[in-house]
Amino acid sequence: MVLSCDPAHLYYFYWLTYGLWYTGRFRPVLCGSCVELIRIADARRVIDALNVNGHLIEPQLPALIKGLQLQQKLTKQIEKLKYCYVSLFGTFNRMEE
């Protein structure tokens, strides 16, 4: 939880947390047998470990955000293409990567 009235801080921590989740930084501290969850103290520890160097990350934040947004957009486009492919051919077989 971030207690801040400054929208810039909220924006910073939103994207910091999203980036940590996306890169799997929270995975080692997840717990739960059926539904994975993270304890607040563990989440704070992971965020604080990276936020110590926040002054180094902050100048790069706009580029990181733009990259993540582009990746989200491309993922949505891929899903739409899969839907179109299945509509046309009735099945979707992944090509070997």
N, C-alpha and C. Protein backbone atom coordinates (compact mmCIF):
# COMPACT_ATOMS: atom_id res chain seq x y z
N MET A 1 0.84 -1.16 0.00
CA MET A 1 0.00 0.00 0.00
C MET A 1 0.90 1.23 0.00
N VAL A 2 0.55 2.20 -0.83
CA VAL A 2 1.30 3.44 -0.92
C VAL A 2 0.39 4.56 -0.45
N LEU A 3 0.84 5.27 0.55
CA LEU A 3 0.08 6.41 1.04
C LEU A 3 0.70 7.67 0.47
N SER A 4 0.06 8.22 -0.53
CA SER A 4 0.58 9.40 -1.20
C SER A 4 -0.56 10.13 -1.89
N CYS A 5 -0.50 11.43 -1.83
CA CYS A 5 -1.50 12.24 -2.54
C CYS A 5 -0.95 12.72 -3.88
N ASP A 6 0.33 12.57 -4.07
CA ASP A 6 0.96 13.03 -5.29
C ASP A 6 0.74 12.01 -6.41
N PRO A 7 0.05 12.39 -7.47
CA PRO A 7 -0.19 11.45 -8.57
C PRO A 7 1.09 10.90 -9.20
N ALA A 8 2.16 11.69 -9.16
CA ALA A 8 3.43 11.21 -9.73
C ALA A 8 3.96 10.02 -8.94
N HIS A 9 3.82 10.05 -7.60
CA HIS A 9 4.25 8.92 -6.78
C HIS A 9 3.40 7.68 -7.06
N LEU A 10 2.09 7.87 -7.16
CA LEU A 10 1.21 6.74 -7.45
C LEU A 10 1.55 6.13 -8.80
N TYR A 11 1.78 6.98 -9.77
CA TYR A 11 2.14 6.53 -11.12
C TYR A 11 3.45 5.75 -11.08
N TYR A 12 4.42 6.28 -10.37
CA TYR A 12 5.72 5.62 -10.24
C TYR A 12 5.58 4.25 -9.60
N PHE A 13 4.87 4.16 -8.47
CA PHE A 13 4.75 2.89 -7.77
C PHE A 13 3.86 1.89 -8.52
N TYR A 14 2.87 2.40 -9.24
CA TYR A 14 2.04 1.50 -10.05
C TYR A 14 2.91 0.77 -11.06
N TRP A 15 3.70 1.54 -11.82
CA TRP A 15 4.52 0.93 -12.86
C TRP A 15 5.68 0.14 -12.29
N LEU A 16 6.22 0.56 -11.16
CA LEU A 16 7.26 -0.21 -10.50
C LEU A 16 6.73 -1.58 -10.09
N THR A 17 5.55 -1.59 -9.47
CA THR A 17 4.94 -2.84 -9.02
C THR A 17 4.56 -3.72 -10.21
N TYR A 18 4.01 -3.11 -11.24
CA TYR A 18 3.65 -3.88 -12.43
C TYR A 18 4.90 -4.51 -13.06
N GLY A 19 5.97 -3.74 -13.15
CA GLY A 19 7.21 -4.26 -13.71
C GLY A 19 7.79 -5.40 -12.89
N LEU A 20 7.70 -5.28 -11.57
CA LEU A 20 8.17 -6.35 -10.69
C LEU A 20 7.34 -7.61 -10.88
N TRP A 21 6.02 -7.43 -10.98
CA TRP A 21 5.15 -8.58 -11.19
C TRP A 21 5.44 -9.23 -12.54
N TYR A 22 5.56 -8.40 -13.57
CA TYR A 22 5.74 -8.91 -14.92
C TYR A 22 7.05 -9.67 -15.07
N THR A 23 8.09 -9.22 -14.39
CA THR A 23 9.39 -9.88 -14.49
C THR A 23 9.55 -11.03 -13.51
N GLY A 24 8.51 -11.31 -12.73
CA GLY A 24 8.55 -12.47 -11.84
C GLY A 24 9.26 -12.26 -10.52
N ARG A 25 9.49 -11.00 -10.14
CA ARG A 25 10.20 -10.73 -8.90
C ARG A 25 9.41 -11.13 -7.66
N PHE A 26 8.08 -11.19 -7.77
CA PHE A 26 7.25 -11.58 -6.62
C PHE A 26 7.13 -13.10 -6.49
N ARG A 27 7.44 -13.83 -7.55
CA ARG A 27 7.24 -15.28 -7.56
C ARG A 27 7.91 -16.01 -6.39
N PRO A 28 9.15 -15.67 -6.01
CA PRO A 28 9.78 -16.41 -4.90
C PRO A 28 9.07 -16.24 -3.55
N VAL A 29 8.31 -15.16 -3.37
CA VAL A 29 7.67 -14.92 -2.08
C VAL A 29 6.17 -15.24 -2.09
N LEU A 30 5.66 -15.77 -3.20
CA LEU A 30 4.25 -16.15 -3.24
C LEU A 30 4.03 -17.35 -2.34
N CYS A 31 2.87 -17.38 -1.71
CA CYS A 31 2.53 -18.54 -0.88
C CYS A 31 1.06 -18.88 -1.14
N GLY A 32 0.64 -20.02 -0.66
CA GLY A 32 -0.72 -20.49 -0.89
C GLY A 32 -0.70 -21.72 -1.76
N SER A 33 -1.52 -22.69 -1.40
CA SER A 33 -1.50 -23.94 -2.15
C SER A 33 -2.43 -23.91 -3.36
N CYS A 34 -3.59 -23.29 -3.24
CA CYS A 34 -4.53 -23.22 -4.37
C CYS A 34 -4.53 -21.85 -5.01
N VAL A 35 -4.65 -20.83 -4.18
CA VAL A 35 -4.66 -19.46 -4.66
C VAL A 35 -3.38 -18.79 -4.18
N GLU A 36 -2.56 -18.38 -5.14
CA GLU A 36 -1.31 -17.75 -4.76
C GLU A 36 -1.57 -16.36 -4.21
N LEU A 37 -0.84 -16.02 -3.16
CA LEU A 37 -0.97 -14.70 -2.56
C LEU A 37 0.39 -14.25 -2.07
N ILE A 38 0.48 -12.99 -1.77
CA ILE A 38 1.72 -12.43 -1.26
C ILE A 38 1.39 -11.64 0.00
N ARG A 39 2.18 -11.83 1.01
CA ARG A 39 1.99 -11.09 2.26
C ARG A 39 2.47 -9.65 2.06
N ILE A 40 1.82 -8.71 2.74
CA ILE A 40 2.16 -7.30 2.59
C ILE A 40 3.63 -7.06 2.92
N ALA A 41 4.11 -7.67 4.00
CA ALA A 41 5.51 -7.47 4.39
C ALA A 41 6.46 -7.98 3.31
N ASP A 42 6.13 -9.11 2.67
CA ASP A 42 6.98 -9.64 1.60
C ASP A 42 6.95 -8.73 0.38
N ALA A 43 5.77 -8.22 0.04
CA ALA A 43 5.65 -7.30 -1.09
C ALA A 43 6.47 -6.04 -0.83
N ARG A 44 6.38 -5.51 0.37
CA ARG A 44 7.16 -4.31 0.72
C ARG A 44 8.65 -4.58 0.61
N ARG A 45 9.07 -5.76 1.06
CA ARG A 45 10.49 -6.10 1.01
C ARG A 45 10.99 -6.14 -0.44
N VAL A 46 10.21 -6.75 -1.32
CA VAL A 46 10.60 -6.83 -2.74
C VAL A 46 10.63 -5.44 -3.36
N ILE A 47 9.61 -4.63 -3.08
CA ILE A 47 9.55 -3.28 -3.64
C ILE A 47 10.66 -2.41 -3.09
N ASP A 48 10.90 -2.49 -1.78
CA ASP A 48 11.95 -1.67 -1.17
C ASP A 48 13.33 -2.04 -1.69
N ALA A 49 13.54 -3.32 -1.97
CA ALA A 49 14.85 -3.75 -2.48
C ALA A 49 15.18 -3.07 -3.80
N LEU A 50 14.18 -2.87 -4.64
CA LEU A 50 14.41 -2.20 -5.92
C LEU A 50 14.30 -0.69 -5.78
N ASN A 51 13.42 -0.23 -4.91
CA ASN A 51 13.18 1.19 -4.77
C ASN A 51 14.35 1.93 -4.13
N VAL A 52 15.27 1.19 -3.49
CA VAL A 52 16.47 1.81 -2.93
C VAL A 52 17.22 2.53 -4.04
N ASN A 53 17.22 1.94 -5.22
CA ASN A 53 17.87 2.55 -6.38
C ASN A 53 16.87 3.29 -7.25
N GLY A 54 15.77 3.76 -6.65
CA GLY A 54 14.72 4.44 -7.41
C GLY A 54 15.21 5.65 -8.15
N HIS A 55 16.19 6.35 -7.58
CA HIS A 55 16.72 7.53 -8.26
C HIS A 55 17.42 7.15 -9.55
N LEU A 56 17.88 5.91 -9.67
CA LEU A 56 18.50 5.45 -10.91
C LEU A 56 17.46 5.02 -11.92
N ILE A 57 16.32 4.53 -11.45
CA ILE A 57 15.28 4.01 -12.32
C ILE A 57 14.36 5.11 -12.84
N GLU A 58 14.14 6.13 -12.01
CA GLU A 58 13.14 7.14 -12.35
C GLU A 58 13.38 7.81 -13.70
N PRO A 59 14.61 8.17 -14.08
CA PRO A 59 14.79 8.77 -15.41
C PRO A 59 14.43 7.81 -16.55
N GLN A 60 14.53 6.52 -16.33
CA GLN A 60 14.23 5.54 -17.36
C GLN A 60 12.77 5.11 -17.35
N LEU A 61 12.01 5.56 -16.36
CA LEU A 61 10.63 5.12 -16.20
C LEU A 61 9.76 5.38 -17.43
N PRO A 62 9.80 6.56 -18.05
CA PRO A 62 8.94 6.76 -19.24
C PRO A 62 9.23 5.74 -20.35
N ALA A 63 10.50 5.42 -20.58
CA ALA A 63 10.83 4.45 -21.62
C ALA A 63 10.35 3.05 -21.23
N LEU A 64 10.48 2.70 -19.95
CA LEU A 64 10.01 1.40 -19.48
C LEU A 64 8.50 1.28 -19.61
N ILE A 65 7.79 2.34 -19.24
CA ILE A 65 6.33 2.35 -19.33
C ILE A 65 5.90 2.21 -20.78
N LYS A 66 6.55 2.95 -21.66
CA LYS A 66 6.20 2.89 -23.08
C LYS A 66 6.41 1.47 -23.62
N GLY A 67 7.50 0.84 -23.20
CA GLY A 67 7.78 -0.53 -23.63
C GLY A 67 6.74 -1.51 -23.12
N LEU A 68 6.34 -1.38 -21.86
CA LEU A 68 5.33 -2.27 -21.29
C LEU A 68 3.97 -2.06 -21.96
N GLN A 69 3.62 -0.80 -22.23
CA GLN A 69 2.35 -0.52 -22.89
C GLN A 69 2.34 -1.08 -24.31
N LEU A 70 3.46 -0.97 -25.00
CA LEU A 70 3.56 -1.53 -26.35
C LEU A 70 3.44 -3.04 -26.31
N GLN A 71 4.06 -3.65 -25.31
CA GLN A 71 3.97 -5.11 -25.18
C GLN A 71 2.53 -5.54 -24.89
N GLN A 72 1.81 -4.79 -24.04
CA GLN A 72 0.40 -5.10 -23.77
C GLN A 72 -0.42 -4.98 -25.05
N LYS A 73 -0.16 -3.94 -25.83
CA LYS A 73 -0.90 -3.73 -27.07
C LYS A 73 -0.64 -4.88 -28.05
N LEU A 74 0.62 -5.28 -28.17
CA LEU A 74 0.97 -6.37 -29.08
C LEU A 74 0.34 -7.69 -28.63
N THR A 75 0.30 -7.92 -27.32
CA THR A 75 -0.32 -9.13 -26.79
C THR A 75 -1.80 -9.18 -27.16
N LYS A 76 -2.48 -8.05 -27.04
CA LYS A 76 -3.90 -7.98 -27.42
C LYS A 76 -4.08 -8.25 -28.92
N GLN A 77 -3.18 -7.70 -29.73
CA GLN A 77 -3.27 -7.91 -31.17
C GLN A 77 -3.03 -9.38 -31.52
N ILE A 78 -2.12 -10.03 -30.81
CA ILE A 78 -1.87 -11.45 -31.05
C ILE A 78 -3.10 -12.27 -30.71
N GLU A 79 -3.76 -11.93 -29.62
CA GLU A 79 -4.99 -12.64 -29.24
C GLU A 79 -6.07 -12.46 -30.31
N LYS A 80 -6.19 -11.25 -30.85
CA LYS A 80 -7.16 -11.01 -31.91
C LYS A 80 -6.82 -11.82 -33.16
N LEU A 81 -5.53 -11.89 -33.49
CA LEU A 81 -5.11 -12.69 -34.65
C LEU A 81 -5.40 -14.17 -34.44
N LYS A 82 -5.18 -14.66 -33.23
CA LYS A 82 -5.50 -16.07 -32.94
C LYS A 82 -6.99 -16.32 -33.13
N TYR A 83 -7.82 -15.39 -32.66
CA TYR A 83 -9.27 -15.52 -32.81
C TYR A 83 -9.64 -15.56 -34.29
N CYS A 84 -9.06 -14.67 -35.09
CA CYS A 84 -9.33 -14.64 -36.53
C CYS A 84 -8.88 -15.94 -37.19
N TYR A 85 -7.72 -16.43 -36.80
CA TYR A 85 -7.20 -17.66 -37.38
C TYR A 85 -8.12 -18.83 -37.07
N VAL A 86 -8.57 -18.91 -35.81
CA VAL A 86 -9.48 -20.00 -35.43
C VAL A 86 -10.80 -19.86 -36.17
N SER A 87 -11.28 -18.64 -36.35
CA SER A 87 -12.53 -18.42 -37.08
C SER A 87 -12.41 -18.88 -38.53
N LEU A 88 -11.25 -18.64 -39.12
CA LEU A 88 -11.05 -19.02 -40.52
C LEU A 88 -10.76 -20.51 -40.71
N PHE A 89 -9.92 -21.06 -39.86
CA PHE A 89 -9.43 -22.41 -40.07
C PHE A 89 -9.93 -23.43 -39.06
N GLY A 90 -10.62 -22.98 -38.02
CA GLY A 90 -11.21 -23.90 -37.06
C GLY A 90 -10.28 -24.41 -35.98
N THR A 91 -8.99 -24.13 -36.10
CA THR A 91 -8.04 -24.59 -35.09
C THR A 91 -6.83 -23.67 -35.11
N PHE A 92 -6.08 -23.73 -34.05
CA PHE A 92 -4.86 -22.92 -33.98
C PHE A 92 -3.74 -23.81 -33.49
N ASN A 93 -2.80 -24.07 -34.36
CA ASN A 93 -1.61 -24.85 -34.01
C ASN A 93 -0.44 -23.88 -33.94
N ARG A 94 0.21 -23.84 -32.77
CA ARG A 94 1.37 -22.94 -32.62
C ARG A 94 2.50 -23.40 -33.52
N MET A 95 3.09 -22.44 -34.17
CA MET A 95 4.25 -22.74 -35.01
C MET A 95 5.44 -22.94 -34.08
N GLU A 96 6.38 -23.74 -34.51
CA GLU A 96 7.59 -23.97 -33.73
C GLU A 96 8.38 -22.67 -33.67
N GLU A 97 8.82 -22.32 -32.48
CA GLU A 97 9.57 -21.08 -32.30
C GLU A 97 11.04 -21.32 -32.46
